[in-house]
Structure formats: C-alpha cells, structure tokens
C-alpha cells in the first residue's frame, strides 16, 4: 500500500473512532470503542493517542473512559457559525416553541438528503426530538418532502426514481402535488411511531428550496383543527425565514 493510501486509511479510521460517540454514548471504554470501530486494539490505541494529542478526545478515570474534547466543539461551533440560516432561524424557532409547546427544527438540504442544523426540543414529558445532525432522505418525512416538492423537477424526478416500488412512486408524486398546493407537508410515523410532523419549505434569495422548518409532536396532541393551526404558524415562520434569507415571492 502506498504512503498516500495509508494516510487516507488512517484518516478514515480516525473518523470511524470519532463517530463511535453519540448523545447517549458520550463516554466509552476501550472495549466499547474496539467493538464499535471494529479496529484492533493496537491500532485503536495509536489513533486515540493522536486524537488526544490534538484535543479531539480526552481520557478520564480509572479504568479509563474516552470522551470527545474541546477540538470537536470548536469545529461544531465553526460549522454552525457559518450557517446564517441557524442564526436567523433562532428567534423564529423560539417563538414557535413558546406558542405551541412542540419541538421545532430546521433541516438543510444536502443533495438527496436533509440534515437537522437547528432544533428547539419541547419541554413536555411526551415529546419527540431527533437532535442536531440527524439526517434523512428528502423522499421521506415531512421535513424532506417539504423541500422535495419545490426542487427542480428534473432533480425531483431523479430522487423519486430511487423508489423502486411503482405504487410508492405514484403515492409520493401525489403527495408532492398536495404540498405544492398547500405550502406545507404532513407526515406521521415515518421515523418515529406515533409522531406527527408538519413542515414548510424555506427558500434562498434565488428562489431555491434549500431547507425546511418543521414542528413535531405526538399525534395524540394533534386533532385536525390543531394540525391546521400549527401548519399556518409553521408556514408563517418559514416564510419569514425565507424573507430574512433574501427571498422575495
């Protein structure tokens, strides 16, 4: 193996180690890391030593457990700070949360996927939240469909073609027509059983659907009248965010 290929492989393995950590797994033993990263222990120790030296991982306690360190936070801060949409959406999300008491979030489009870049979780005992960084396909879930309905028709057709079931394709095409007519998307249980999602597209100054703004909660709290009320509120907030991004309808 060439030196260049070996270096790329080492970077790939380091990323594998970092991706072992998550919100509910923020402190891992060497054994847990070994299983998750699927690396030999000598290789794992070498990678951890480099990550610790660069401030991406720290080691605590005896027996030791490994956690993400400040360098990861600096990268996360640089990423979110570079997204004007996160800063501009913050007061709109907070207002929606205060008015309706349900989790609200912004999803940013990346090719055929959408990623959560901002989220204000509900404080109610029964609530749903995916967390910043959560991703999903555009063709599934209200947050994805709200974007997909307004992307370039050729791009939309390509994304829809990934569905190999003809009946699903027809259903999806009908949904997109309804979303374009109503200006919002609804879905229930696509990712979490018993969840209700309401989302609207967010446009940039060029008129491109770059994101969606959504509200999420348990379906038991969403009779038809409340769905309509929340959909209008989400629509207004998404429209306000689009205007802040320079969009003029």
C-alpha atoms as a PDB file:
ATOM      1  CA  UNK A   1       0.000   0.000   0.000  1.00  0.00           C
ATOM      2  CA  UNK A   2       1.328   3.446  -0.916  1.00  0.00           C
ATOM      3  CA  UNK A   3       2.060   6.059   1.759  1.00  0.00           C
ATOM      4  CA  UNK A   4      -0.763   8.237   0.384  1.00  0.00           C
ATOM      5  CA  UNK A   5      -3.290   5.397   0.560  1.00  0.00           C
ATOM      6  CA  UNK A   6      -2.130   4.504   4.082  1.00  0.00           C
ATOM      7  CA  UNK A   7      -2.561   8.120   5.200  1.00  0.00           C
ATOM      8  CA  UNK A   8      -6.086   8.241   3.780  1.00  0.00           C
ATOM      9  CA  UNK A   9      -6.886   4.963   5.517  1.00  0.00           C
ATOM     10  CA  UNK A  10      -5.608   6.356   8.824  1.00  0.00           C
ATOM     11  CA  UNK A  11      -7.880   9.406   8.449  1.00  0.00           C
ATOM     12  CA  UNK A  12     -10.793   7.114   7.656  1.00  0.00           C
ATOM     13  CA  UNK A  13     -10.139   5.087  10.790  1.00  0.00           C
ATOM     14  CA  UNK A  14      -9.845   8.209  12.948  1.00  0.00           C
ATOM     15  CA  UNK A  15     -13.258   9.344  11.695  1.00  0.00           C
ATOM     16  CA  UNK A  16     -14.643   5.883  12.494  1.00  0.00           C
ATOM     17  CA  UNK A  17     -13.445   6.339  16.079  1.00  0.00           C
ATOM     18  CA  UNK A  18     -14.987   9.809  16.407  1.00  0.00           C
ATOM     19  CA  UNK A  19     -18.279   8.536  15.025  1.00  0.00           C
ATOM     20  CA  UNK A  20     -18.463   5.958  17.821  1.00  0.00           C
ATOM     21  CA  UNK A  21     -19.603   8.746  20.146  1.00  0.00           C
ATOM     22  CA  UNK A  22     -23.208   9.934  20.265  1.00  0.00           C
ATOM     23  CA  UNK A  23     -25.547  11.834  22.553  1.00  0.00           C
ATOM     24  CA  UNK A  24     -26.420   8.735  24.570  1.00  0.00           C
ATOM     25  CA  UNK A  25     -22.902   7.254  24.305  1.00  0.00           C
ATOM     26  CA  UNK A  26     -20.609  10.106  25.264  1.00  0.00           C
ATOM     27  CA  UNK A  27     -18.184   8.122  27.439  1.00  0.00           C
ATOM     28  CA  UNK A  28     -16.810   4.841  26.079  1.00  0.00           C
ATOM     29  CA  UNK A  29     -14.364   2.255  27.343  1.00  0.00           C
ATOM     30  CA  UNK A  30     -11.595   0.904  25.143  1.00  0.00           C
ATOM     31  CA  UNK A  31     -13.583  -2.326  24.750  1.00  0.00           C
ATOM     32  CA  UNK A  32     -16.679  -0.429  23.595  1.00  0.00           C
ATOM     33  CA  UNK A  33     -14.615   1.594  21.129  1.00  0.00           C
ATOM     34  CA  UNK A  34     -12.955  -1.555  19.852  1.00  0.00           C
ATOM     35  CA  UNK A  35     -16.345  -3.150  19.122  1.00  0.00           C
ATOM     36  CA  UNK A  36     -17.892  -0.044  17.588  1.00  0.00           C
ATOM     37  CA  UNK A  37     -14.949   0.992  15.420  1.00  0.00           C
ATOM     38  CA  UNK A  38     -14.087  -2.623  14.506  1.00  0.00           C
ATOM     39  CA  UNK A  39     -10.381  -1.926  14.898  1.00  0.00           C
ATOM     40  CA  UNK A  40      -7.637  -3.931  16.544  1.00  0.00           C
ATOM     41  CA  UNK A  41      -6.639  -2.649  19.960  1.00  0.00           C
ATOM     42  CA  UNK A  42      -3.060  -1.620  18.960  1.00  0.00           C
ATOM     43  CA  UNK A  43      -4.426   0.372  16.008  1.00  0.00           C
ATOM     44  CA  UNK A  44      -7.116   1.903  18.209  1.00  0.00           C
ATOM     45  CA  UNK A  45      -4.567   2.995  20.834  1.00  0.00           C
ATOM     46  CA  UNK A  46      -2.430   4.684  18.166  1.00  0.00           C
ATOM     47  CA  UNK A  47      -5.429   6.588  16.779  1.00  0.00           C
ATOM     48  CA  UNK A  48      -6.606   7.592  20.258  1.00  0.00           C
ATOM     49  CA  UNK A  49      -3.135   8.871  21.151  1.00  0.00           C
ATOM     50  CA  UNK A  50      -3.211  11.190  18.115  1.00  0.00           C
ATOM     51  CA  UNK A  51      -6.769  12.345  18.781  1.00  0.00           C
ATOM     52  CA  UNK A  52      -5.929  13.048  22.434  1.00  0.00           C
ATOM     53  CA  UNK A  53      -2.798  14.985  21.464  1.00  0.00           C
ATOM     54  CA  UNK A  54      -4.857  17.148  19.054  1.00  0.00           C
ATOM     55  CA  UNK A  55      -7.632  17.777  21.594  1.00  0.00           C
ATOM     56  CA  UNK A  56     -10.382  15.778  19.871  1.00  0.00           C
ATOM     57  CA  UNK A  57     -10.628  13.113  22.578  1.00  0.00           C
ATOM     58  CA  UNK A  58      -9.811  13.022  26.288  1.00  0.00           C
ATOM     59  CA  UNK A  59      -9.287  10.133  28.679  1.00  0.00           C
ATOM     60  CA  UNK A  60     -10.838  10.193  32.164  1.00  0.00           C
ATOM     61  CA  UNK A  61     -10.932   7.935  35.215  1.00  0.00           C
ATOM     62  CA  UNK A  62      -9.598   4.547  36.180  1.00  0.00           C
ATOM     63  CA  UNK A  63     -10.462   2.318  34.401  1.00  0.00           C
ATOM     64  CA  UNK A  64     -10.246   4.947  31.666  1.00  0.00           C
ATOM     65  CA  UNK A  65     -13.197   6.092  29.596  1.00  0.00           C
ATOM     66  CA  UNK A  66     -12.864   8.208  26.484  1.00  0.00           C
ATOM     67  CA  UNK A  67     -14.900  11.315  25.636  1.00  0.00           C
ATOM     68  CA  UNK A  68     -14.961  13.931  22.881  1.00  0.00           C
ATOM     69  CA  UNK A  69     -12.893  17.002  23.758  1.00  0.00           C
ATOM     70  CA  UNK A  70     -12.773  20.720  23.013  1.00  0.00           C
ATOM     71  CA  UNK A  71     -11.439  20.499  19.446  1.00  0.00           C
ATOM     72  CA  UNK A  72     -14.682  18.841  18.360  1.00  0.00           C
ATOM     73  CA  UNK A  73     -16.598  21.706  19.956  1.00  0.00           C
ATOM     74  CA  UNK A  74     -14.525  24.256  18.039  1.00  0.00           C
ATOM     75  CA  UNK A  75     -15.317  22.519  14.755  1.00  0.00           C
ATOM     76  CA  UNK A  76     -19.024  22.295  15.610  1.00  0.00           C
ATOM     77  CA  UNK A  77     -19.070  25.977  16.524  1.00  0.00           C
ATOM     78  CA  UNK A  78     -17.292  26.938  13.295  1.00  0.00           C
ATOM     79  CA  UNK A  79     -19.791  24.873  11.304  1.00  0.00           C
ATOM     80  CA  UNK A  80     -22.929  26.298  12.913  1.00  0.00           C
ATOM     81  CA  UNK A  81     -21.500  29.832  12.889  1.00  0.00           C
ATOM     82  CA  UNK A  82     -21.010  29.582   9.143  1.00  0.00           C
ATOM     83  CA  UNK A  83     -24.704  28.863   8.644  1.00  0.00           C
ATOM     84  CA  UNK A  84     -26.611  32.146   8.563  1.00  0.00           C
ATOM     85  CA  UNK A  85     -29.822  30.147   8.481  1.00  0.00           C
ATOM     86  CA  UNK A  86     -29.201  28.859  12.023  1.00  0.00           C
ATOM     87  CA  UNK A  87     -28.705  32.350  13.429  1.00  0.00           C
ATOM     88  CA  UNK A  88     -31.668  33.789  11.539  1.00  0.00           C
ATOM     89  CA  UNK A  89     -33.962  30.911  12.468  1.00  0.00           C
ATOM     90  CA  UNK A  90     -33.217  31.032  16.218  1.00  0.00           C
ATOM     91  CA  UNK A  91     -35.843  33.633  17.265  1.00  0.00           C
ATOM     92  CA  UNK A  92     -38.456  32.158  14.938  1.00  0.00           C
ATOM     93  CA  UNK A  93     -37.975  28.689  16.397  1.00  0.00           C
ATOM     94  CA  UNK A  94     -38.117  30.032  19.928  1.00  0.00           C
ATOM     95  CA  UNK A  95     -41.362  31.868  19.208  1.00  0.00           C
ATOM     96  CA  UNK A  96     -42.943  28.755  17.695  1.00  0.00           C
ATOM     97  CA  UNK A  97     -41.856  26.667  20.670  1.00  0.00           C
ATOM     98  CA  UNK A  98     -43.320  29.143  23.144  1.00  0.00           C
ATOM     99  CA  UNK A  99     -46.597  29.427  21.250  1.00  0.00           C
ATOM    100  CA  UNK A 100     -47.225  25.746  20.561  1.00  0.00           C
ATOM    101  CA  UNK A 101     -45.057  23.819  23.032  1.00  0.00           C
ATOM    102  CA  UNK A 102     -43.817  21.295  20.462  1.00  0.00           C
ATOM    103  CA  UNK A 103     -40.326  20.546  19.177  1.00  0.00           C
ATOM    104  CA  UNK A 104     -39.320  22.771  16.254  1.00  0.00           C
ATOM    105  CA  UNK A 105     -36.352  22.387  13.921  1.00  0.00           C
ATOM    106  CA  UNK A 106     -34.682  23.465  10.690  1.00  0.00           C
ATOM    107  CA  UNK A 107     -33.417  20.917   8.162  1.00  0.00           C
ATOM    108  CA  UNK A 108     -30.910  21.894   5.495  1.00  0.00           C
ATOM    109  CA  UNK A 109     -30.815  20.169   2.116  1.00  0.00           C
ATOM    110  CA  UNK A 110     -27.673  18.349   1.020  1.00  0.00           C
ATOM    111  CA  UNK A 111     -28.191  16.653  -2.360  1.00  0.00           C
ATOM    112  CA  UNK A 112     -30.773  13.893  -1.782  1.00  0.00           C
ATOM    113  CA  UNK A 113     -30.669  14.228   1.991  1.00  0.00           C
ATOM    114  CA  UNK A 114     -31.607  16.762   4.649  1.00  0.00           C
ATOM    115  CA  UNK A 115     -29.784  17.386   7.916  1.00  0.00           C
ATOM    116  CA  UNK A 116     -31.018  18.936  11.141  1.00  0.00           C
ATOM    117  CA  UNK A 117     -28.988  22.113  11.764  1.00  0.00           C
ATOM    118  CA  UNK A 118     -31.126  23.703  14.494  1.00  0.00           C
ATOM    119  CA  UNK A 119     -33.594  22.245  16.965  1.00  0.00           C
ATOM    120  CA  UNK A 120     -35.538  23.544  19.978  1.00  0.00           C
ATOM    121  CA  UNK A 121     -36.941  20.497  21.797  1.00  0.00           C
ATOM    122  CA  UNK A 122     -40.294  20.526  23.557  1.00  0.00           C
ATOM    123  CA  UNK A 123     -40.217  20.507  27.356  1.00  0.00           C
ATOM    124  CA  UNK A 124     -43.380  18.397  27.612  1.00  0.00           C
ATOM    125  CA  UNK A 125     -42.998  14.918  29.187  1.00  0.00           C
ATOM    126  CA  UNK A 126     -44.128  13.242  25.971  1.00  0.00           C
ATOM    127  CA  UNK A 127     -42.279  14.761  23.038  1.00  0.00           C
ATOM    128  CA  UNK A 128     -40.108  13.906  20.041  1.00  0.00           C
ATOM    129  CA  UNK A 129     -36.721  15.292  19.038  1.00  0.00           C
ATOM    130  CA  UNK A 130     -34.089  13.925  16.661  1.00  0.00           C
ATOM    131  CA  UNK A 131     -31.185  16.218  17.577  1.00  0.00           C
ATOM    132  CA  UNK A 132     -28.820  18.359  15.542  1.00  0.00           C
ATOM    133  CA  UNK A 133     -27.044  16.281  12.924  1.00  0.00           C
ATOM    134  CA  UNK A 134     -29.932  13.876  12.361  1.00  0.00           C
ATOM    135  CA  UNK A 135     -30.320  13.100   8.670  1.00  0.00           C
ATOM    136  CA  UNK A 136     -32.902  11.547   6.415  1.00  0.00           C
ATOM    137  CA  UNK A 137     -33.788  11.249   2.730  1.00  0.00           C
ATOM    138  CA  UNK A 138     -35.742  14.025   1.022  1.00  0.00           C
ATOM    139  CA  UNK A 139     -38.301  11.483  -0.149  1.00  0.00           C
ATOM    140  CA  UNK A 140     -39.320  10.545   3.386  1.00  0.00           C
ATOM    141  CA  UNK A 141     -40.806  12.550   6.244  1.00  0.00           C
ATOM    142  CA  UNK A 142     -42.454  15.973   6.251  1.00  0.00           C
ATOM    143  CA  UNK A 143     -39.128  17.829   6.547  1.00  0.00           C
ATOM    144  CA  UNK A 144     -37.795  16.128   3.450  1.00  0.00           C
ATOM    145  CA  UNK A 145     -40.980  16.252   1.386  1.00  0.00           C
ATOM    146  CA  UNK A 146     -41.441  19.977   2.071  1.00  0.00           C
ATOM    147  CA  UNK A 147     -38.122  20.543   0.288  1.00  0.00           C
ATOM    148  CA  UNK A 148     -38.548  17.905  -2.415  1.00  0.00           C
ATOM    149  CA  UNK A 149     -41.870  19.373  -3.578  1.00  0.00           C
ATOM    150  CA  UNK A 150     -40.126  22.605  -4.586  1.00  0.00           C
ATOM    151  CA  UNK A 151     -36.792  21.456  -6.016  1.00  0.00           C
ATOM    152  CA  UNK A 152     -36.017  21.468  -9.736  1.00  0.00           C
ATOM    153  CA  UNK A 153     -38.412  18.969 -11.440  1.00  0.00           C
ATOM    154  CA  UNK A 154     -35.559  17.023 -13.048  1.00  0.00           C
ATOM    155  CA  UNK A 155     -33.771  16.690  -9.704  1.00  0.00           C
ATOM    156  CA  UNK A 156     -37.031  15.697  -8.010  1.00  0.00           C
ATOM    157  CA  UNK A 157     -37.659  13.039 -10.657  1.00  0.00           C
ATOM    158  CA  UNK A 158     -34.170  11.622 -10.116  1.00  0.00           C
ATOM    159  CA  UNK A 159     -34.693  11.468  -6.351  1.00  0.00           C
ATOM    160  CA  UNK A 160     -38.107   9.854  -6.740  1.00  0.00           C
ATOM    161  CA  UNK A 161     -36.654   7.285  -9.160  1.00  0.00           C
ATOM    162  CA  UNK A 162     -34.686   5.813  -6.257  1.00  0.00           C
ATOM    163  CA  UNK A 163     -38.008   4.335  -5.120  1.00  0.00           C
ATOM    164  CA  UNK A 164     -38.353   1.035  -6.951  1.00  0.00           C
ATOM    165  CA  UNK A 165     -41.965   0.352  -5.959  1.00  0.00           C
ATOM    166  CA  UNK A 166     -44.276   1.834  -8.618  1.00  0.00           C
ATOM    167  CA  UNK A 167     -47.147   2.261  -6.144  1.00  0.00           C
ATOM    168  CA  UNK A 168     -44.893   4.192  -3.748  1.00  0.00           C
ATOM    169  CA  UNK A 169     -43.719   6.424  -6.585  1.00  0.00           C
ATOM    170  CA  UNK A 170     -47.320   7.286  -7.524  1.00  0.00           C
ATOM    171  CA  UNK A 171     -48.206   7.990  -3.877  1.00  0.00           C
ATOM    172  CA  UNK A 172     -45.135  10.176  -3.494  1.00  0.00           C
ATOM    173  CA  UNK A 173     -45.937  12.133  -6.666  1.00  0.00           C
ATOM    174  CA  UNK A 174     -49.490  12.790  -5.400  1.00  0.00           C
ATOM    175  CA  UNK A 175     -48.122  13.963  -2.047  1.00  0.00           C
ATOM    176  CA  UNK A 176     -45.796  16.436  -3.750  1.00  0.00           C
ATOM    177  CA  UNK A 177     -48.685  17.904  -5.742  1.00  0.00           C
ATOM    178  CA  UNK A 178     -50.644  18.410  -2.493  1.00  0.00           C
ATOM    179  CA  UNK A 179     -47.630  20.005  -0.787  1.00  0.00           C
ATOM    180  CA  UNK A 180     -47.122  22.468  -3.633  1.00  0.00           C
ATOM    181  CA  UNK A 181     -50.816  23.365  -3.444  1.00  0.00           C
ATOM    182  CA  UNK A 182     -50.975  23.724   0.359  1.00  0.00           C
ATOM    183  CA  UNK A 183     -47.471  25.038   1.029  1.00  0.00           C
ATOM    184  CA  UNK A 184     -46.790  22.525   3.792  1.00  0.00           C
ATOM    185  CA  UNK A 185     -46.115  18.821   4.255  1.00  0.00           C
ATOM    186  CA  UNK A 186     -47.566  16.415   6.804  1.00  0.00           C
ATOM    187  CA  UNK A 187     -46.284  13.025   7.843  1.00  0.00           C
ATOM    188  CA  UNK A 188     -46.956  10.644  10.675  1.00  0.00           C
ATOM    189  CA  UNK A 189     -44.704   7.894  11.970  1.00  0.00           C
ATOM    190  CA  UNK A 190     -42.223   7.910   9.079  1.00  0.00           C
ATOM    191  CA  UNK A 191     -39.294   7.872  11.514  1.00  0.00           C
ATOM    192  CA  UNK A 192     -40.914   7.644  14.965  1.00  0.00           C
ATOM    193  CA  UNK A 193     -44.119   5.696  15.584  1.00  0.00           C
ATOM    194  CA  UNK A 194     -46.908   7.907  16.881  1.00  0.00           C
ATOM    195  CA  UNK A 195     -45.280  11.169  15.803  1.00  0.00           C
ATOM    196  CA  UNK A 196     -46.897  13.982  13.848  1.00  0.00           C
ATOM    197  CA  UNK A 197     -44.705  16.215  11.704  1.00  0.00           C
ATOM    198  CA  UNK A 198     -45.593  19.475   9.953  1.00  0.00           C
ATOM    199  CA  UNK A 199     -43.004  21.182   7.730  1.00  0.00           C
ATOM    200  CA  UNK A 200     -42.755  24.020   5.219  1.00  0.00           C
ATOM    201  CA  UNK A 201     -40.082  24.871   2.645  1.00  0.00           C
ATOM    202  CA  UNK A 202     -37.506  27.617   3.158  1.00  0.00           C
ATOM    203  CA  UNK A 203     -36.201  29.440   0.075  1.00  0.00           C
ATOM    204  CA  UNK A 204     -32.981  31.363  -0.508  1.00  0.00           C
ATOM    205  CA  UNK A 205     -32.664  34.641  -2.422  1.00  0.00           C
ATOM    206  CA  UNK A 206     -32.508  32.734  -5.718  1.00  0.00           C
ATOM    207  CA  UNK A 207     -35.822  31.009  -5.016  1.00  0.00           C
ATOM    208  CA  UNK A 208     -34.232  27.595  -4.388  1.00  0.00           C
ATOM    209  CA  UNK A 209     -35.752  25.356  -1.706  1.00  0.00           C
ATOM    210  CA  UNK A 210     -32.678  24.936   0.492  1.00  0.00           C
ATOM    211  CA  UNK A 211     -34.269  23.904   3.775  1.00  0.00           C
ATOM    212  CA  UNK A 212     -37.448  23.210   5.684  1.00  0.00           C
ATOM    213  CA  UNK A 213     -38.802  24.416   9.002  1.00  0.00           C
ATOM    214  CA  UNK A 214     -40.848  21.907  10.951  1.00  0.00           C
ATOM    215  CA  UNK A 215     -42.856  21.265  14.096  1.00  0.00           C
ATOM    216  CA  UNK A 216     -43.024  17.794  15.658  1.00  0.00           C
ATOM    217  CA  UNK A 217     -45.019  16.140  18.426  1.00  0.00           C
ATOM    218  CA  UNK A 218     -47.072  13.098  19.402  1.00  0.00           C
ATOM    219  CA  UNK A 219     -50.083  12.562  17.143  1.00  0.00           C
ATOM    220  CA  UNK A 220     -52.401  12.299  20.166  1.00  0.00           C
ATOM    221  CA  UNK A 221     -51.965  16.064  20.645  1.00  0.00           C
ATOM    222  CA  UNK A 222     -52.853  16.859  17.031  1.00  0.00           C
ATOM    223  CA  UNK A 223     -56.563  16.736  16.224  1.00  0.00           C
ATOM    224  CA  UNK A 224     -57.406  18.059  12.767  1.00  0.00           C
ATOM    225  CA  UNK A 225     -58.069  21.622  13.977  1.00  0.00           C
ATOM    226  CA  UNK A 226     -54.686  21.857  15.720  1.00  0.00           C
ATOM    227  CA  UNK A 227     -52.875  20.458  12.673  1.00  0.00           C
ATOM    228  CA  UNK A 228     -54.372  23.293  10.611  1.00  0.00           C
ATOM    229  CA  UNK A 229     -53.452  25.923  13.217  1.00  0.00           C
ATOM    230  CA  UNK A 230     -49.874  24.675  13.584  1.00  0.00           C
ATOM    231  CA  UNK A 231     -49.451  24.341   9.815  1.00  0.00           C
ATOM    232  CA  UNK A 232     -50.348  28.007   9.378  1.00  0.00           C
ATOM    233  CA  UNK A 233     -47.934  29.030  12.144  1.00  0.00           C
ATOM    234  CA  UNK A 234     -45.101  26.978  10.634  1.00  0.00           C
ATOM    235  CA  UNK A 235     -45.913  28.412   7.212  1.00  0.00           C
ATOM    236  CA  UNK A 236     -45.617  31.971   8.534  1.00  0.00           C
ATOM    237  CA  UNK A 237     -42.311  31.232  10.272  1.00  0.00           C
ATOM    238  CA  UNK A 238     -40.854  29.520   7.195  1.00  0.00           C
ATOM    239  CA  UNK A 239     -41.945  32.460   5.053  1.00  0.00           C
ATOM    240  CA  UNK A 240     -40.321  34.891   7.496  1.00  0.00           C
ATOM    241  CA  UNK A 241     -37.097  32.893   7.423  1.00  0.00           C
ATOM    242  CA  UNK A 242     -37.116  32.851   3.617  1.00  0.00           C
ATOM    243  CA  UNK A 243     -37.522  36.644   3.620  1.00  0.00           C
ATOM    244  CA  UNK A 244     -34.576  37.003   6.009  1.00  0.00           C
ATOM    245  CA  UNK A 245     -32.518  34.934   3.560  1.00  0.00           C
ATOM    246  CA  UNK A 246     -33.379  37.371   0.773  1.00  0.00           C
ATOM    247  CA  UNK A 247     -36.265  35.538  -0.875  1.00  0.00           C
ATOM    248  CA  UNK A 248     -38.985  37.603  -2.475  1.00  0.00           C
ATOM    249  CA  UNK A 249     -42.047  35.612  -3.506  1.00  0.00           C
END
